[in-house]
Protein backbone atom coordinates (compact mmCIF):
# COMPACT_ATOMS: atom_id res chain seq x y z
CA MET A 1 18.69 8.98 -12.83
CA ARG A 2 18.07 12.62 -11.92
CA PRO A 3 16.82 13.30 -8.51
CA TRP A 4 13.83 14.87 -10.08
CA ILE A 5 13.17 11.92 -12.23
CA PHE A 6 13.33 9.51 -8.87
CA ALA A 7 11.05 11.61 -6.91
CA ALA A 8 8.36 11.80 -10.07
CA LEU A 9 8.87 8.10 -10.27
CA VAL A 10 8.07 7.77 -6.44
CA LEU A 11 5.36 9.80 -6.57
CA GLY A 12 3.63 8.36 -9.57
CA ILE A 13 4.05 4.58 -8.18
CA ALA A 14 2.62 5.70 -4.80
CA THR A 15 -0.39 7.53 -6.53
CA VAL A 16 -0.97 4.66 -8.36
CA HIS A 17 -0.81 2.08 -5.38
CA TRP A 18 -3.08 4.18 -3.36
CA LEU A 19 -5.65 4.40 -5.96
CA VAL A 20 -5.71 0.74 -6.56
CA TYR A 21 -5.30 -0.20 -2.64
CA VAL A 22 -8.01 2.08 -1.97
CA GLY A 23 -10.09 0.74 -4.62
CA LEU A 24 -9.66 -2.60 -3.90
CA PHE A 25 -10.09 -2.34 0.11
CA GLY A 26 -13.35 -0.50 -0.81
CA VAL A 27 -14.54 -3.34 -3.12
CA GLY A 28 -13.57 -5.76 -0.40
CA PHE A 29 -15.43 -4.31 2.12
CA ALA A 30 -18.44 -4.14 0.18
CA LEU A 31 -18.19 -7.79 -0.99
CA GLY A 32 -17.48 -8.68 2.50
CA ASP A 33 -20.38 -6.89 4.36
CA ALA A 34 -22.85 -8.21 1.50
CA GLY A 35 -21.76 -11.79 2.61
CA ALA A 36 -20.87 -12.69 -1.28
CA HIS A 37 -18.53 -15.88 -1.70
CA GLY A 38 -16.41 -17.12 -4.34
CA LEU A 39 -13.42 -16.50 -6.43
CA GLY A 40 -14.11 -12.47 -6.96
CA PRO A 41 -13.98 -11.78 -3.36
CA THR A 42 -11.33 -14.05 -2.71
CA LEU A 43 -9.01 -12.68 -5.39
CA VAL A 44 -9.84 -8.90 -4.17
CA GLY A 45 -9.06 -10.23 -0.53
CA ILE A 46 -5.34 -11.49 -1.63
CA ALA A 47 -4.91 -8.33 -3.50
CA VAL A 48 -5.58 -6.26 -0.75
CA GLY A 49 -3.54 -8.29 1.64
CA VAL A 50 -0.49 -7.94 -0.71
CA LEU A 51 -0.73 -4.37 -1.45
CA GLY A 52 -1.22 -3.49 2.19
CA VAL A 53 2.10 -5.20 3.31
CA PRO A 54 3.87 -3.84 5.67
CA LEU A 55 1.93 -0.81 7.14
CA MET A 56 -1.69 -1.78 6.87
CA TYR A 57 -0.93 -4.83 9.10
CA LEU A 58 -0.50 -2.42 11.81
CA LEU A 59 -4.07 -2.09 12.43
CA PHE A 60 -3.96 -5.70 13.76
CA LEU A 61 -2.11 -4.73 16.63
CA PRO A 62 -3.60 -3.84 20.09
CA PRO A 63 -3.50 -0.40 21.50
CA ALA A 64 -0.92 -1.21 24.29
CA ALA A 65 1.75 -2.05 21.58
CA PHE A 66 1.74 1.89 20.91
CA GLY A 67 1.67 2.76 24.65
CA SER A 68 -2.00 4.26 24.31
CA SER A 69 -5.63 3.35 25.52
CA ARG A 70 -7.05 4.85 22.45
CA TRP A 71 -6.47 3.20 18.85
CA TRP A 72 -7.52 4.77 15.69
CA GLY A 73 -7.95 1.60 13.72
CA ASP A 74 -11.67 2.32 12.81
CA ASP A 75 -10.87 5.93 11.89
CA SER A 76 -11.31 6.47 8.25
CA ASN A 77 -8.87 9.22 8.02
CA PHE A 78 -6.37 7.38 9.88
CA ILE A 79 -6.56 4.29 7.31
CA LEU A 80 -6.56 6.69 4.41
CA MET A 81 -3.28 8.28 5.77
CA LEU A 82 -1.75 4.90 6.70
CA ALA A 83 -2.51 3.68 2.95
CA ALA A 84 -0.70 6.86 1.87
CA LEU A 85 2.14 6.16 3.96
CA ASN A 86 2.27 2.44 2.69
CA ALA A 87 2.06 3.69 -0.64
CA LEU A 88 5.00 5.85 -0.46
CA VAL A 89 6.84 2.67 1.21
CA TRP A 90 6.10 0.93 -1.85
CA GLY A 91 6.88 3.76 -4.25
CA CYS A 92 10.39 4.32 -2.67
CA THR A 93 11.15 0.39 -2.80
CA LEU A 94 9.93 0.26 -6.50
CA ALA A 95 11.71 3.24 -7.75
CA TRP A 96 15.01 2.38 -6.14
CA LEU A 97 14.94 -1.12 -7.68
CA ILE A 98 14.09 0.47 -10.81
CA ARG A 99 16.79 2.89 -10.69
CA ARG A 100 19.40 -0.01 -9.22
CA ARG A 101 18.07 -2.05 -11.93
CA SER A 102 18.78 0.94 -14.82
CA ARG A 103 22.39 1.62 -13.27
CA LYS A 104 23.36 -2.06 -13.89
CA ALA A 105 21.89 -2.06 -17.42
CA GLY A 106 24.02 1.24 -18.04
CA GLU A 107 27.29 -0.79 -16.75
CA ALA A 108 26.68 -3.72 -18.82
CA ALA A 109 26.29 -1.59 -22.04
């Protein structure tokens, strides 16, 4: 796989991941504030939890974990930036797996 194709794949996956995550996060936030219960909010919560791995869970750490007294976990810009970095992690990982699988398929043929 050529480097520019790999980079385009990473950016494409990251963009889709970021859009889906931010959309589901917004829906989950709205449903949580409305006090809605049922299968829909539960499924949204599960999807947000899975797509938030690994970086979004940094928001649960106390400020002392980063050697600071100020924590930006309630700042929407920080959350969106962290979601973008998390999407890049997902994009790199999935693109690497796709490249690896296509190489193995090419070797088997």
